[in-house]
N, C-alpha and C. Protein backbone atom coordinates (compact mmCIF):
# COMPACT_ATOMS: atom_id res chain seq x y z
N MET A 1 -21.16 -41.50 -152.75
CA MET A 1 -20.12 -41.01 -153.61
C MET A 1 -19.99 -39.51 -153.44
N ASP A 2 -18.80 -39.01 -153.36
CA ASP A 2 -18.53 -37.59 -153.17
C ASP A 2 -18.33 -36.94 -154.54
N SER A 3 -19.34 -36.22 -155.03
CA SER A 3 -19.24 -35.59 -156.34
C SER A 3 -18.29 -34.39 -156.34
N LEU A 4 -17.87 -33.95 -155.16
CA LEU A 4 -17.00 -32.79 -155.06
C LEU A 4 -15.53 -33.14 -154.89
N SER A 5 -15.17 -34.41 -154.87
CA SER A 5 -13.81 -34.81 -154.53
C SER A 5 -12.75 -34.16 -155.41
N ARG A 6 -12.92 -34.14 -156.72
CA ARG A 6 -11.94 -33.51 -157.62
C ARG A 6 -12.03 -31.99 -157.58
N LEU A 7 -13.23 -31.46 -157.33
CA LEU A 7 -13.43 -30.02 -157.29
C LEU A 7 -12.80 -29.41 -156.05
N ARG A 8 -12.72 -30.16 -154.96
CA ARG A 8 -12.16 -29.63 -153.71
C ARG A 8 -10.72 -29.15 -153.88
N GLY A 9 -9.94 -29.83 -154.72
CA GLY A 9 -8.56 -29.43 -154.95
C GLY A 9 -8.43 -28.14 -155.74
N LEU A 10 -9.45 -27.81 -156.52
CA LEU A 10 -9.42 -26.61 -157.36
C LEU A 10 -10.05 -25.39 -156.71
N VAL A 11 -10.98 -25.62 -155.76
CA VAL A 11 -11.70 -24.53 -155.10
C VAL A 11 -11.39 -24.57 -153.61
N PRO A 12 -10.49 -23.70 -153.14
CA PRO A 12 -10.06 -23.74 -151.74
C PRO A 12 -11.19 -23.68 -150.73
N SER A 13 -12.27 -22.96 -151.01
CA SER A 13 -13.37 -22.85 -150.04
C SER A 13 -14.10 -24.17 -149.83
N LEU A 14 -13.91 -25.14 -150.72
CA LEU A 14 -14.55 -26.45 -150.56
C LEU A 14 -13.65 -27.45 -149.85
N ALA A 15 -12.40 -27.10 -149.62
CA ALA A 15 -11.42 -28.05 -149.07
C ALA A 15 -11.85 -28.67 -147.75
N ASN A 16 -12.44 -27.89 -146.86
CA ASN A 16 -12.84 -28.40 -145.54
C ASN A 16 -14.33 -28.62 -145.43
N SER A 17 -15.04 -28.61 -146.53
CA SER A 17 -16.49 -28.80 -146.51
C SER A 17 -16.84 -30.27 -146.29
N ALA A 18 -17.78 -30.50 -145.41
CA ALA A 18 -18.22 -31.88 -145.13
C ALA A 18 -19.37 -32.30 -146.02
N GLN A 19 -19.85 -31.40 -146.88
CA GLN A 19 -20.99 -31.72 -147.74
C GLN A 19 -20.60 -32.81 -148.73
N LEU A 20 -21.39 -33.86 -148.77
CA LEU A 20 -21.15 -34.94 -149.71
C LEU A 20 -22.25 -34.96 -150.76
N ASP A 21 -21.86 -35.20 -151.98
CA ASP A 21 -22.80 -35.38 -153.09
C ASP A 21 -23.84 -34.26 -153.14
N SER A 22 -23.38 -33.01 -153.04
CA SER A 22 -24.31 -31.90 -152.98
C SER A 22 -24.18 -30.93 -154.16
N LEU A 23 -23.48 -31.32 -155.19
CA LEU A 23 -23.32 -30.49 -156.38
C LEU A 23 -24.35 -30.94 -157.41
N TYR A 24 -25.22 -30.00 -157.84
CA TYR A 24 -26.29 -30.32 -158.77
C TYR A 24 -26.14 -29.50 -160.04
N GLY A 25 -26.74 -29.96 -161.11
CA GLY A 25 -26.74 -29.23 -162.37
C GLY A 25 -26.26 -30.13 -163.50
N SER A 26 -26.01 -29.52 -164.64
CA SER A 26 -25.50 -30.28 -165.77
C SER A 26 -24.28 -29.58 -166.33
N ALA A 27 -23.36 -30.37 -166.88
CA ALA A 27 -22.14 -29.80 -167.44
C ALA A 27 -21.70 -30.63 -168.64
N GLU A 28 -21.03 -29.96 -169.55
CA GLU A 28 -20.50 -30.61 -170.74
C GLU A 28 -19.11 -30.06 -171.02
N LEU A 29 -18.17 -30.95 -171.21
CA LEU A 29 -16.80 -30.58 -171.57
C LEU A 29 -16.51 -31.18 -172.93
N THR A 30 -16.16 -30.32 -173.87
CA THR A 30 -15.74 -30.81 -175.18
C THR A 30 -14.33 -30.31 -175.41
N GLY A 31 -13.51 -31.16 -175.97
CA GLY A 31 -12.14 -30.74 -176.17
C GLY A 31 -11.32 -31.74 -176.94
N GLU A 32 -10.03 -31.51 -176.89
CA GLU A 32 -9.09 -32.32 -177.63
C GLU A 32 -7.88 -32.62 -176.76
N LEU A 33 -7.53 -33.89 -176.68
CA LEU A 33 -6.30 -34.31 -176.01
C LEU A 33 -5.21 -34.41 -177.07
N THR A 34 -4.05 -33.88 -176.76
CA THR A 34 -2.93 -33.93 -177.71
C THR A 34 -1.68 -34.44 -177.00
N GLY A 35 -0.74 -34.94 -177.77
CA GLY A 35 0.52 -35.41 -177.22
C GLY A 35 0.54 -36.90 -177.06
N ASN A 36 1.26 -37.35 -176.02
CA ASN A 36 1.36 -38.78 -175.72
C ASN A 36 1.28 -38.96 -174.22
N MET A 37 1.41 -40.18 -173.75
CA MET A 37 1.25 -40.44 -172.32
C MET A 37 2.34 -39.79 -171.47
N ASP A 38 3.46 -39.44 -172.07
CA ASP A 38 4.51 -38.75 -171.32
C ASP A 38 4.22 -37.26 -171.16
N ARG A 39 3.52 -36.70 -172.12
CA ARG A 39 3.20 -35.27 -172.07
C ARG A 39 1.86 -35.05 -172.78
N LEU A 40 0.78 -35.14 -172.00
CA LEU A 40 -0.57 -35.05 -172.53
C LEU A 40 -1.14 -33.65 -172.27
N GLY A 41 -1.74 -33.05 -173.29
CA GLY A 41 -2.34 -31.73 -173.15
C GLY A 41 -3.84 -31.77 -173.42
N LEU A 42 -4.56 -30.78 -172.90
CA LEU A 42 -6.01 -30.69 -173.08
C LEU A 42 -6.37 -29.26 -173.44
N THR A 43 -7.14 -29.10 -174.50
CA THR A 43 -7.73 -27.82 -174.88
C THR A 43 -9.22 -28.06 -175.02
N GLY A 44 -10.04 -27.23 -174.38
CA GLY A 44 -11.46 -27.50 -174.47
C GLY A 44 -12.34 -26.35 -174.03
N PHE A 45 -13.64 -26.62 -174.12
CA PHE A 45 -14.67 -25.67 -173.73
C PHE A 45 -15.59 -26.34 -172.71
N LEU A 46 -16.00 -25.58 -171.71
CA LEU A 46 -16.90 -26.07 -170.68
C LEU A 46 -18.19 -25.26 -170.71
N ARG A 47 -19.30 -25.96 -170.61
CA ARG A 47 -20.62 -25.33 -170.46
C ARG A 47 -21.32 -26.02 -169.31
N ALA A 48 -21.90 -25.25 -168.41
CA ALA A 48 -22.67 -25.81 -167.30
C ALA A 48 -23.94 -24.98 -167.11
N ASN A 49 -25.01 -25.63 -166.69
CA ASN A 49 -26.30 -24.96 -166.50
C ASN A 49 -26.91 -25.35 -165.17
N ASP A 50 -27.56 -24.39 -164.53
CA ASP A 50 -28.31 -24.61 -163.29
C ASP A 50 -27.46 -25.33 -162.24
N VAL A 51 -26.26 -24.81 -161.99
CA VAL A 51 -25.35 -25.41 -161.01
C VAL A 51 -25.73 -24.90 -159.62
N ARG A 52 -25.88 -25.84 -158.68
CA ARG A 52 -26.25 -25.49 -157.31
C ARG A 52 -25.36 -26.22 -156.31
N LEU A 53 -24.97 -25.50 -155.27
CA LEU A 53 -24.24 -26.06 -154.14
C LEU A 53 -24.82 -25.40 -152.90
N ALA A 54 -25.62 -26.15 -152.15
CA ALA A 54 -26.33 -25.63 -150.96
C ALA A 54 -27.19 -24.43 -151.39
N THR A 55 -26.95 -23.23 -150.82
CA THR A 55 -27.76 -22.05 -151.16
C THR A 55 -27.12 -21.20 -152.26
N GLN A 56 -26.03 -21.66 -152.82
CA GLN A 56 -25.35 -20.93 -153.89
C GLN A 56 -25.72 -21.54 -155.23
N SER A 57 -25.91 -20.68 -156.24
CA SER A 57 -26.26 -21.21 -157.55
C SER A 57 -25.73 -20.30 -158.66
N VAL A 58 -25.60 -20.88 -159.83
CA VAL A 58 -25.18 -20.16 -161.03
C VAL A 58 -26.07 -20.66 -162.16
N ALA A 59 -26.72 -19.74 -162.87
CA ALA A 59 -27.61 -20.14 -163.97
C ALA A 59 -26.81 -20.71 -165.13
N GLY A 60 -25.67 -20.12 -165.44
CA GLY A 60 -24.87 -20.61 -166.55
C GLY A 60 -23.40 -20.31 -166.37
N ILE A 61 -22.57 -21.24 -166.80
CA ILE A 61 -21.11 -21.07 -166.77
C ILE A 61 -20.59 -21.44 -168.14
N ARG A 62 -19.69 -20.63 -168.66
CA ARG A 62 -19.02 -20.92 -169.92
C ARG A 62 -17.54 -20.68 -169.71
N GLY A 63 -16.71 -21.51 -170.32
CA GLY A 63 -15.29 -21.30 -170.13
C GLY A 63 -14.42 -22.06 -171.10
N THR A 64 -13.14 -21.72 -171.08
CA THR A 64 -12.15 -22.41 -171.89
C THR A 64 -11.09 -23.00 -170.97
N ILE A 65 -10.52 -24.09 -171.41
CA ILE A 65 -9.50 -24.81 -170.64
C ILE A 65 -8.32 -25.07 -171.55
N GLN A 66 -7.13 -24.74 -171.07
CA GLN A 66 -5.90 -25.08 -171.78
C GLN A 66 -4.92 -25.59 -170.74
N LEU A 67 -4.69 -26.89 -170.76
CA LEU A 67 -3.80 -27.52 -169.78
C LEU A 67 -2.72 -28.31 -170.50
N ALA A 68 -1.52 -28.26 -169.96
CA ALA A 68 -0.40 -29.00 -170.51
C ALA A 68 0.13 -29.97 -169.46
N ASP A 69 0.76 -31.02 -169.90
CA ASP A 69 1.44 -31.99 -169.04
C ASP A 69 0.50 -32.59 -167.98
N LEU A 70 -0.68 -33.03 -168.41
CA LEU A 70 -1.67 -33.59 -167.49
C LEU A 70 -1.18 -34.81 -166.72
N THR A 71 -0.30 -35.59 -167.31
CA THR A 71 0.11 -36.85 -166.69
C THR A 71 1.18 -36.68 -165.62
N LYS A 72 1.88 -35.55 -165.61
CA LYS A 72 2.95 -35.39 -164.62
C LYS A 72 2.76 -34.16 -163.73
N GLN A 73 2.78 -32.98 -164.34
CA GLN A 73 2.65 -31.75 -163.57
C GLN A 73 1.75 -30.77 -164.32
N PRO A 74 0.43 -30.89 -164.14
CA PRO A 74 -0.51 -30.05 -164.89
C PRO A 74 -0.28 -28.56 -164.67
N ALA A 75 -0.33 -27.81 -165.76
CA ALA A 75 -0.21 -26.35 -165.70
C ALA A 75 -0.99 -25.80 -166.88
N GLY A 76 -1.53 -24.60 -166.72
CA GLY A 76 -2.25 -23.99 -167.82
C GLY A 76 -3.23 -22.96 -167.34
N SER A 77 -4.33 -22.78 -168.08
CA SER A 77 -5.30 -21.76 -167.72
C SER A 77 -6.72 -22.30 -167.80
N LEU A 78 -7.53 -21.80 -166.88
CA LEU A 78 -8.97 -22.06 -166.83
C LEU A 78 -9.62 -20.68 -166.80
N ILE A 79 -10.34 -20.32 -167.85
CA ILE A 79 -10.98 -19.01 -167.93
C ILE A 79 -12.49 -19.22 -168.02
N PHE A 80 -13.21 -18.68 -167.02
CA PHE A 80 -14.65 -18.91 -166.93
C PHE A 80 -15.42 -17.61 -166.78
N GLY A 81 -16.64 -17.63 -167.24
CA GLY A 81 -17.59 -16.55 -167.02
C GLY A 81 -18.88 -17.15 -166.49
N ALA A 82 -19.60 -16.39 -165.68
CA ALA A 82 -20.83 -16.90 -165.08
C ALA A 82 -21.96 -15.91 -165.27
N ASP A 83 -23.18 -16.44 -165.32
CA ASP A 83 -24.39 -15.65 -165.50
C ASP A 83 -25.35 -15.92 -164.36
N THR A 84 -25.88 -14.89 -163.75
CA THR A 84 -26.87 -14.97 -162.68
C THR A 84 -26.36 -15.80 -161.51
N VAL A 85 -25.47 -15.22 -160.73
CA VAL A 85 -24.84 -15.88 -159.58
C VAL A 85 -25.59 -15.49 -158.31
N MET A 86 -26.00 -16.50 -157.54
CA MET A 86 -26.67 -16.29 -156.25
C MET A 86 -25.76 -16.87 -155.16
N LEU A 87 -25.38 -16.03 -154.17
CA LEU A 87 -24.43 -16.47 -153.15
C LEU A 87 -25.05 -16.73 -151.79
N GLY A 88 -26.34 -16.64 -151.66
CA GLY A 88 -26.96 -16.89 -150.36
C GLY A 88 -28.45 -17.03 -150.48
N PRO A 89 -29.12 -17.16 -149.33
CA PRO A 89 -30.58 -17.36 -149.34
C PRO A 89 -31.35 -16.18 -149.90
């Protein structure tokens, strides 16, 4: 199973990566879906800990998500902050 399949569309540097199932750590998304199936929105908070991808790691990630029209043409904002980022060996 490719744990990065949905993430590849959001992070351009992962688009051509051949790494499969190499994303480690824990994450929690809490939020609220609003609207109906014709126009569904999402507002939420993301927390992730000890995220690793190959030699890159982040001790903690916190962020907010506000997305509109998830069912047809998603648009909105993803605002994140990170703590203790390691980008290489």
